Amino acid sequence: MPLQMQLAYDYMTELLNDLNIALNYGGKGETFGVLHQLEGDKVIEMESFISGHGS
């Protein structure tokens, strides 16, 4: 699988996990840090990838 495709899959999986924690568990649980609502530390990294400026 190409690297860009793998990164996209990984970010989508992390985003869905973080959304699940935010919506269903009130933000309490293990997250990947890619969601604004949970003040994630990897938000900028993911946004950069989505906009085409990341690796």
N, C-alpha and C. Protein backbone atom coordinates (compact mmCIF):
# COMPACT_ATOMS: atom_id res chain seq x y z
N MET A 1 0.86 -1.18 0.00
CA MET A 1 0.00 0.00 0.00
C MET A 1 0.90 1.24 0.00
N PRO A 2 0.61 2.20 -0.87
CA PRO A 2 1.41 3.42 -0.91
C PRO A 2 1.36 4.15 0.45
N LEU A 3 2.44 4.86 0.75
CA LEU A 3 2.57 5.55 2.03
C LEU A 3 1.43 6.54 2.26
N GLN A 4 1.09 7.33 1.25
CA GLN A 4 0.03 8.33 1.41
C GLN A 4 -1.31 7.65 1.74
N MET A 5 -1.57 6.52 1.12
CA MET A 5 -2.81 5.80 1.38
C MET A 5 -2.81 5.25 2.80
N GLN A 6 -1.69 4.74 3.25
CA GLN A 6 -1.58 4.22 4.61
C GLN A 6 -1.77 5.33 5.64
N LEU A 7 -1.16 6.48 5.38
CA LEU A 7 -1.33 7.62 6.29
C LEU A 7 -2.78 8.08 6.33
N ALA A 8 -3.44 8.12 5.18
CA ALA A 8 -4.85 8.52 5.14
C ALA A 8 -5.70 7.54 5.94
N TYR A 9 -5.45 6.26 5.78
CA TYR A 9 -6.18 5.24 6.53
C TYR A 9 -5.94 5.40 8.03
N ASP A 10 -4.69 5.60 8.42
CA ASP A 10 -4.35 5.76 9.84
C ASP A 10 -5.03 6.99 10.44
N TYR A 11 -4.97 8.12 9.74
CA TYR A 11 -5.61 9.34 10.25
C TYR A 11 -7.13 9.16 10.36
N MET A 12 -7.75 8.52 9.38
CA MET A 12 -9.20 8.32 9.42
C MET A 12 -9.57 7.42 10.60
N THR A 13 -8.81 6.38 10.83
CA THR A 13 -9.07 5.49 11.96
C THR A 13 -8.92 6.24 13.27
N GLU A 14 -7.88 7.05 13.39
CA GLU A 14 -7.66 7.83 14.60
C GLU A 14 -8.77 8.87 14.80
N LEU A 15 -9.18 9.52 13.70
CA LEU A 15 -10.24 10.52 13.78
C LEU A 15 -11.56 9.90 14.24
N LEU A 16 -11.91 8.75 13.67
CA LEU A 16 -13.15 8.08 14.08
C LEU A 16 -13.09 7.64 15.53
N ASN A 17 -11.95 7.17 15.99
CA ASN A 17 -11.80 6.80 17.39
C ASN A 17 -12.01 8.01 18.29
N ASP A 18 -11.35 9.12 17.95
CA ASP A 18 -11.47 10.33 18.77
C ASP A 18 -12.90 10.86 18.78
N LEU A 19 -13.59 10.80 17.62
CA LEU A 19 -14.99 11.21 17.56
C LEU A 19 -15.85 10.33 18.46
N ASN A 20 -15.59 9.04 18.44
CA ASN A 20 -16.33 8.11 19.29
C ASN A 20 -16.15 8.47 20.77
N ILE A 21 -14.93 8.74 21.17
CA ILE A 21 -14.64 9.10 22.57
C ILE A 21 -15.34 10.42 22.91
N ALA A 22 -15.26 11.40 22.01
CA ALA A 22 -15.86 12.71 22.28
C ALA A 22 -17.39 12.63 22.37
N LEU A 23 -18.01 11.91 21.46
CA LEU A 23 -19.47 11.88 21.38
C LEU A 23 -20.12 10.89 22.33
N ASN A 24 -19.50 9.75 22.52
CA ASN A 24 -20.14 8.69 23.29
C ASN A 24 -19.62 8.52 24.71
N TYR A 25 -18.45 9.08 25.00
CA TYR A 25 -17.85 8.90 26.32
C TYR A 25 -17.49 10.22 26.99
N GLY A 26 -18.04 11.30 26.49
CA GLY A 26 -17.81 12.60 27.10
C GLY A 26 -16.36 13.05 27.12
N GLY A 27 -15.57 12.57 26.17
CA GLY A 27 -14.17 12.96 26.09
C GLY A 27 -13.25 12.20 27.03
N LYS A 28 -13.79 11.22 27.74
CA LYS A 28 -12.99 10.44 28.69
C LYS A 28 -12.62 9.10 28.06
N GLY A 29 -11.35 8.92 27.83
CA GLY A 29 -10.85 7.70 27.23
C GLY A 29 -9.57 7.98 26.47
N GLU A 30 -9.01 6.93 25.92
CA GLU A 30 -7.73 7.04 25.20
C GLU A 30 -7.99 7.57 23.79
N THR A 31 -7.31 8.65 23.43
CA THR A 31 -7.47 9.25 22.11
C THR A 31 -6.12 9.35 21.42
N PHE A 32 -6.19 9.68 20.13
CA PHE A 32 -4.98 9.86 19.33
C PHE A 32 -4.59 11.31 19.20
N GLY A 33 -5.44 12.22 19.65
CA GLY A 33 -5.11 13.65 19.64
C GLY A 33 -5.29 14.35 18.32
N VAL A 34 -6.25 13.87 17.50
CA VAL A 34 -6.44 14.48 16.19
C VAL A 34 -7.75 15.27 16.07
N LEU A 35 -8.38 15.55 17.20
CA LEU A 35 -9.69 16.20 17.18
C LEU A 35 -9.65 17.53 17.92
N HIS A 36 -10.14 18.58 17.25
CA HIS A 36 -10.19 19.91 17.88
C HIS A 36 -11.00 19.89 19.17
N GLN A 37 -12.13 19.19 19.16
CA GLN A 37 -13.03 19.19 20.30
C GLN A 37 -12.37 18.67 21.57
N LEU A 38 -11.37 17.83 21.42
CA LEU A 38 -10.65 17.28 22.57
C LEU A 38 -9.29 17.95 22.75
N GLU A 39 -9.08 19.07 22.05
CA GLU A 39 -7.82 19.81 22.11
C GLU A 39 -6.61 18.90 21.84
N GLY A 40 -6.71 18.16 20.74
CA GLY A 40 -5.67 17.20 20.39
C GLY A 40 -4.35 17.85 20.01
N ASP A 41 -3.28 17.13 20.31
CA ASP A 41 -1.93 17.65 20.03
C ASP A 41 -1.45 17.29 18.62
N LYS A 42 -2.22 16.50 17.86
CA LYS A 42 -1.84 16.14 16.50
C LYS A 42 -2.78 16.75 15.46
N VAL A 43 -3.62 17.71 15.87
CA VAL A 43 -4.58 18.32 14.96
C VAL A 43 -3.88 18.99 13.78
N ILE A 44 -2.89 19.79 14.04
CA ILE A 44 -2.19 20.52 12.98
C ILE A 44 -1.50 19.55 12.02
N GLU A 45 -0.93 18.49 12.57
CA GLU A 45 -0.27 17.48 11.74
C GLU A 45 -1.27 16.85 10.77
N MET A 46 -2.45 16.47 11.26
CA MET A 46 -3.45 15.86 10.42
C MET A 46 -3.99 16.86 9.38
N GLU A 47 -4.27 18.08 9.81
CA GLU A 47 -4.76 19.10 8.88
C GLU A 47 -3.75 19.38 7.77
N SER A 48 -2.49 19.39 8.12
CA SER A 48 -1.44 19.61 7.13
C SER A 48 -1.44 18.48 6.10
N PHE A 49 -1.60 17.26 6.55
CA PHE A 49 -1.66 16.12 5.64
C PHE A 49 -2.87 16.24 4.71
N ILE A 50 -4.03 16.57 5.27
CA ILE A 50 -5.26 16.68 4.49
C ILE A 50 -5.14 17.78 3.43
N SER A 51 -4.53 18.89 3.79
CA SER A 51 -4.42 20.01 2.86
C SER A 51 -3.32 19.79 1.80
N GLY A 52 -2.55 18.73 1.96
CA GLY A 52 -1.50 18.42 0.98
C GLY A 52 -0.16 19.00 1.32
N HIS A 53 -0.01 19.57 2.51
CA HIS A 53 1.26 20.15 2.92
C HIS A 53 2.06 19.26 3.86
N GLY A 54 1.56 18.08 4.13
CA GLY A 54 2.23 17.16 5.05
C GLY A 54 2.97 16.08 4.29
N SER A 55 3.50 15.13 5.05
CA SER A 55 4.27 14.06 4.42
C SER A 55 3.39 12.99 3.81
